[in-house]
Structures are given as C-alpha cells and as structure tokens.
Amino acid sequence: MTTAAYTSHLPANAGWLTRAEAWLDHKGKGAWIAATVLGFILFWPIGLGLLAYMIWSKRMFGKSCRSQTRHNTHAAWAAMKPSGNMAFDAYKAETLRRLEEEQGAFEDFLRRLREAKDKAEFDQFMDDREKRMKDVSEPAEA
C-alpha cells in the first residue's frame, strides 16, 4: 500500500505531526498503543501526552466491542431466517445438519486423540517410574 492511501485526505502542506497522525490512524489502535508505550519509554511526558490525546480524541475507545457483538448477533439471526425459497431453505437446513454432524465427529476424534495422548504419556511416566525404582533398588542389593 502506498503512502497516498492514508494521506489522500491531507492537505498538500500538512505538517509532520498531521502525517504521523494519519499514518498511526491507518495502522490502527495497536500502532497508537505502541507509540504511547514507546513515548513512555523514551520520555514519560511524551507518553502521557499521547495517552491524553488518544483519550481526548476518542481514539482509545472509538470502536466499542459491544457494537461489533451486536452486529455479529444481527448477522447470525439474519442467516437463520428463511429466505422464502423452499429449495434453498431445504438445502441450507441439510447443509447445517451435515456440518453439525461433522463437527460432532471431529470433536469425538479430538477427544479420542487427547485420550490416546494422555494414555501414552501416563504409560511413559509409569515406565520411567518403574525404571527409577529398579535403579534405586539394584545398588542396595549389590
């Protein structure tokens, strides 16, 4: 991605602070947090200033998790309502049923895999324990 992608809305005579702000906005909230931490490391008033600016400009709390969850919930309900096409609705119901069966089979497979791994680890532990007990008892007999 080019520099023009996140500076296209900036005036031609924008200063370095404005360009830096646009760059951080383009990179996202993580970049703002990293810049604030770096500011605290270099010189604490810089970090404090960046933190105050992020809170004051609502960059820290701009996109709420609740609105994202609400959107996802709405999308889930929209996917479950009938479309009005009987053939498509039957296909969708059959596909969802098949996917649920596959998910159940996969979860059973993972459970069996974990049980086999646990059994192998336990068997190795018991073999090692038996070997240690044998090593400890052999010098006593000699």
C-alpha atoms as a PDB file:
ATOM      1  CA  MET A   1       0.000   0.000   0.000  1.00  0.00           C
ATOM      2  CA  THR A   2       1.316   3.413  -0.867  1.00  0.00           C
ATOM      3  CA  THR A   3       1.674   6.487   1.252  1.00  0.00           C
ATOM      4  CA  ALA A   4      -1.123   8.109  -0.730  1.00  0.00           C
ATOM      5  CA  ALA A   5      -3.592   5.541   0.599  1.00  0.00           C
ATOM      6  CA  TYR A   6      -3.657   7.080   4.065  1.00  0.00           C
ATOM      7  CA  THR A   7      -2.624  10.654   3.280  1.00  0.00           C
ATOM      8  CA  SER A   8      -5.010  11.304   0.368  1.00  0.00           C
ATOM      9  CA  HIS A   9      -7.344  13.337   2.593  1.00  0.00           C
ATOM     10  CA  LEU A  10      -4.492  15.507   3.918  1.00  0.00           C
ATOM     11  CA  PRO A  11      -3.745  18.947   2.501  1.00  0.00           C
ATOM     12  CA  ALA A  12      -0.532  19.325   0.485  1.00  0.00           C
ATOM     13  CA  ASN A  13       1.101  21.452   3.193  1.00  0.00           C
ATOM     14  CA  ALA A  14       0.303  19.066   6.079  1.00  0.00           C
ATOM     15  CA  GLY A  15       2.962  19.029   8.760  1.00  0.00           C
ATOM     16  CA  TRP A  16       4.834  16.019  10.033  1.00  0.00           C
ATOM     17  CA  LEU A  17       2.552  15.683  13.076  1.00  0.00           C
ATOM     18  CA  THR A  18      -0.534  15.525  10.858  1.00  0.00           C
ATOM     19  CA  ARG A  19       1.145  12.979   8.586  1.00  0.00           C
ATOM     20  CA  ALA A  20       2.231  10.926  11.627  1.00  0.00           C
ATOM     21  CA  GLU A  21      -1.324  11.009  12.985  1.00  0.00           C
ATOM     22  CA  ALA A  22      -2.702   9.840   9.622  1.00  0.00           C
ATOM     23  CA  TRP A  23      -0.115   7.064   9.484  1.00  0.00           C
ATOM     24  CA  LEU A  24      -0.975   5.873  13.012  1.00  0.00           C
ATOM     25  CA  ASP A  25      -4.700   6.040  12.202  1.00  0.00           C
ATOM     26  CA  HIS A  26      -4.083   3.924   9.123  1.00  0.00           C
ATOM     27  CA  LYS A  27      -2.149   1.314  11.146  1.00  0.00           C
ATOM     28  CA  GLY A  28      -4.874   1.100  13.792  1.00  0.00           C
ATOM     29  CA  LYS A  29      -5.256   1.169  17.559  1.00  0.00           C
ATOM     30  CA  GLY A  30      -2.261  -1.114  18.101  1.00  0.00           C
ATOM     31  CA  ALA A  31       0.046   1.451  16.490  1.00  0.00           C
ATOM     32  CA  TRP A  32      -1.301   4.187  18.780  1.00  0.00           C
ATOM     33  CA  ILE A  33      -0.724   1.995  21.823  1.00  0.00           C
ATOM     34  CA  ALA A  34       2.788   1.080  20.655  1.00  0.00           C
ATOM     35  CA  ALA A  35       3.585   4.776  20.078  1.00  0.00           C
ATOM     36  CA  THR A  36       2.326   5.614  23.578  1.00  0.00           C
ATOM     37  CA  VAL A  37       4.413   2.871  25.189  1.00  0.00           C
ATOM     38  CA  LEU A  38       7.446   3.996  23.205  1.00  0.00           C
ATOM     39  CA  GLY A  39       6.761   7.563  24.323  1.00  0.00           C
ATOM     40  CA  PHE A  40       6.725   6.455  27.962  1.00  0.00           C
ATOM     41  CA  ILE A  41       9.995   4.588  27.448  1.00  0.00           C
ATOM     42  CA  LEU A  42      11.777   7.493  25.772  1.00  0.00           C
ATOM     43  CA  PHE A  43      10.473  10.381  27.902  1.00  0.00           C
ATOM     44  CA  TRP A  44       7.439   9.954  30.139  1.00  0.00           C
ATOM     45  CA  PRO A  45       5.744  13.301  29.298  1.00  0.00           C
ATOM     46  CA  ILE A  46       5.594  12.234  25.633  1.00  0.00           C
ATOM     47  CA  GLY A  47       3.824   9.018  26.572  1.00  0.00           C
ATOM     48  CA  LEU A  48       1.481  10.881  28.885  1.00  0.00           C
ATOM     49  CA  GLY A  49       0.705  13.397  26.139  1.00  0.00           C
ATOM     50  CA  LEU A  50      -0.045  10.655  23.621  1.00  0.00           C
ATOM     51  CA  LEU A  51      -2.260   8.858  26.133  1.00  0.00           C
ATOM     52  CA  ALA A  52      -4.170  12.051  26.901  1.00  0.00           C
ATOM     53  CA  TYR A  53      -4.556  12.753  23.176  1.00  0.00           C
ATOM     54  CA  MET A  54      -5.838   9.229  22.481  1.00  0.00           C
ATOM     55  CA  ILE A  55      -8.433   9.512  25.240  1.00  0.00           C
ATOM     56  CA  TRP A  56      -9.420  13.091  24.375  1.00  0.00           C
ATOM     57  CA  SER A  57      -9.815  12.345  20.645  1.00  0.00           C
ATOM     58  CA  LYS A  58     -11.690   9.114  21.413  1.00  0.00           C
ATOM     59  CA  ARG A  59      -9.133   7.015  19.548  1.00  0.00           C
ATOM     60  CA  MET A  60      -8.752   4.716  22.551  1.00  0.00           C
ATOM     61  CA  PHE A  61     -12.447   3.899  22.870  1.00  0.00           C
ATOM     62  CA  GLY A  62     -13.655   4.725  19.365  1.00  0.00           C
ATOM     63  CA  LYS A  63     -14.980   1.337  18.289  1.00  0.00           C
ATOM     64  CA  SER A  64     -16.850  -0.402  21.037  1.00  0.00           C
ATOM     65  CA  CYS A  65     -16.775  -4.157  21.376  1.00  0.00           C
ATOM     66  CA  ARG A  66     -20.480  -4.037  22.115  1.00  0.00           C
ATOM     67  CA  SER A  67     -21.335  -2.589  18.692  1.00  0.00           C
ATOM     68  CA  GLN A  68     -19.263  -5.312  16.998  1.00  0.00           C
ATOM     69  CA  THR A  69     -21.027  -8.011  19.037  1.00  0.00           C
ATOM     70  CA  ARG A  70     -24.405  -6.506  18.220  1.00  0.00           C
ATOM     71  CA  HIS A  71     -23.526  -6.579  14.513  1.00  0.00           C
ATOM     72  CA  ASN A  72     -22.405 -10.230  14.705  1.00  0.00           C
ATOM     73  CA  THR A  73     -25.582 -11.214  16.549  1.00  0.00           C
ATOM     74  CA  HIS A  74     -27.705  -9.479  13.932  1.00  0.00           C
ATOM     75  CA  ALA A  75     -25.843 -11.288  11.137  1.00  0.00           C
ATOM     76  CA  ALA A  76     -26.354 -14.644  12.879  1.00  0.00           C
ATOM     77  CA  TRP A  77     -30.097 -14.075  13.180  1.00  0.00           C
ATOM     78  CA  ALA A  78     -30.293 -12.938   9.556  1.00  0.00           C
ATOM     79  CA  ALA A  79     -28.591 -16.161   8.443  1.00  0.00           C
ATOM     80  CA  MET A  80     -31.134 -18.303  10.294  1.00  0.00           C
ATOM     81  CA  LYS A  81     -34.335 -16.732   8.935  1.00  0.00           C
ATOM     82  CA  PRO A  82     -35.940 -18.409   5.928  1.00  0.00           C
ATOM     83  CA  SER A  83     -35.259 -16.951   2.503  1.00  0.00           C
ATOM     84  CA  GLY A  84     -38.654 -17.746   1.032  1.00  0.00           C
ATOM     85  CA  ASN A  85     -37.205 -20.193  -1.496  1.00  0.00           C
ATOM     86  CA  MET A  86     -38.226 -23.672  -0.307  1.00  0.00           C
ATOM     87  CA  ALA A  87     -35.484 -25.489  -2.231  1.00  0.00           C
ATOM     88  CA  PHE A  88     -32.767 -23.210  -0.887  1.00  0.00           C
ATOM     89  CA  ASP A  89     -34.103 -23.419   2.673  1.00  0.00           C
ATOM     90  CA  ALA A  90     -34.108 -27.250   2.461  1.00  0.00           C
ATOM     91  CA  TYR A  91     -30.556 -27.204   1.105  1.00  0.00           C
ATOM     92  CA  LYS A  92     -29.457 -24.821   3.868  1.00  0.00           C
ATOM     93  CA  ALA A  93     -31.079 -26.970   6.575  1.00  0.00           C
ATOM     94  CA  GLU A  94     -29.453 -30.140   5.183  1.00  0.00           C
ATOM     95  CA  THR A  95     -26.048 -28.450   4.952  1.00  0.00           C
ATOM     96  CA  LEU A  96     -26.286 -27.123   8.519  1.00  0.00           C
ATOM     97  CA  ARG A  97     -27.322 -30.584   9.784  1.00  0.00           C
ATOM     98  CA  ARG A  98     -24.390 -32.190   7.949  1.00  0.00           C
ATOM     99  CA  LEU A  99     -21.952 -29.600   9.310  1.00  0.00           C
ATOM    100  CA  GLU A 100     -23.199 -30.187  12.856  1.00  0.00           C
ATOM    101  CA  GLU A 101     -22.665 -33.952  12.410  1.00  0.00           C
ATOM    102  CA  GLU A 102     -19.153 -33.346  11.061  1.00  0.00           C
ATOM    103  CA  GLN A 103     -18.406 -31.031  13.963  1.00  0.00           C
ATOM    104  CA  GLY A 104     -19.573 -33.690  16.433  1.00  0.00           C
ATOM    105  CA  ALA A 105     -17.459 -36.346  14.694  1.00  0.00           C
ATOM    106  CA  PHE A 106     -14.428 -34.047  14.746  1.00  0.00           C
ATOM    107  CA  GLU A 107     -14.914 -33.276  18.449  1.00  0.00           C
ATOM    108  CA  ASP A 108     -15.114 -37.039  19.142  1.00  0.00           C
ATOM    109  CA  PHE A 109     -11.914 -37.544  17.135  1.00  0.00           C
ATOM    110  CA  LEU A 110     -10.146 -34.830  19.149  1.00  0.00           C
ATOM    111  CA  ARG A 111     -11.382 -36.382  22.401  1.00  0.00           C
ATOM    112  CA  ARG A 112     -10.056 -39.824  21.372  1.00  0.00           C
ATOM    113  CA  LEU A 113      -6.785 -38.233  20.277  1.00  0.00           C
ATOM    114  CA  ARG A 114      -6.389 -36.493  23.666  1.00  0.00           C
ATOM    115  CA  GLU A 115      -7.223 -39.732  25.486  1.00  0.00           C
ATOM    116  CA  ALA A 116      -4.612 -41.652  23.452  1.00  0.00           C
ATOM    117  CA  LYS A 117      -2.012 -38.949  24.106  1.00  0.00           C
ATOM    118  CA  ASP A 118      -2.820 -38.916  27.822  1.00  0.00           C
ATOM    119  CA  LYS A 119      -2.579 -42.719  27.961  1.00  0.00           C
ATOM    120  CA  ALA A 120       0.766 -42.708  26.144  1.00  0.00           C
ATOM    121  CA  GLU A 121       2.148 -40.037  28.490  1.00  0.00           C
ATOM    122  CA  PHE A 122       0.879 -41.934  31.543  1.00  0.00           C
ATOM    123  CA  ASP A 123       2.359 -45.214  30.288  1.00  0.00           C
ATOM    124  CA  GLN A 124       5.710 -43.495  29.724  1.00  0.00           C
ATOM    125  CA  PHE A 125       5.548 -41.993  33.217  1.00  0.00           C
ATOM    126  CA  MET A 126       4.854 -45.401  34.724  1.00  0.00           C
ATOM    127  CA  ASP A 127       7.714 -46.997  32.714  1.00  0.00           C
ATOM    128  CA  ASP A 128      10.105 -44.252  33.829  1.00  0.00           C
ATOM    129  CA  ARG A 129       8.947 -44.636  37.428  1.00  0.00           C
ATOM    130  CA  GLU A 130       9.423 -48.396  37.300  1.00  0.00           C
ATOM    131  CA  LYS A 131      12.881 -47.915  35.785  1.00  0.00           C
ATOM    132  CA  ARG A 132      13.864 -45.444  38.543  1.00  0.00           C
ATOM    133  CA  MET A 133      12.590 -47.797  41.229  1.00  0.00           C
ATOM    134  CA  LYS A 134      14.609 -50.626  39.691  1.00  0.00           C
ATOM    135  CA  ASP A 135      17.736 -48.415  39.528  1.00  0.00           C
ATOM    136  CA  VAL A 136      17.328 -47.417  43.174  1.00  0.00           C
ATOM    137  CA  SER A 137      16.828 -51.000  44.362  1.00  0.00           C
ATOM    138  CA  GLU A 138      19.723 -52.530  42.375  1.00  0.00           C
ATOM    139  CA  PRO A 139      22.592 -50.676  44.178  1.00  0.00           C
ATOM    140  CA  ALA A 140      21.084 -51.639  47.517  1.00  0.00           C
ATOM    141  CA  GLU A 141      21.194 -55.322  46.577  1.00  0.00           C
ATOM    142  CA  ALA A 142      24.806 -55.216  45.324  1.00  0.00           C
END
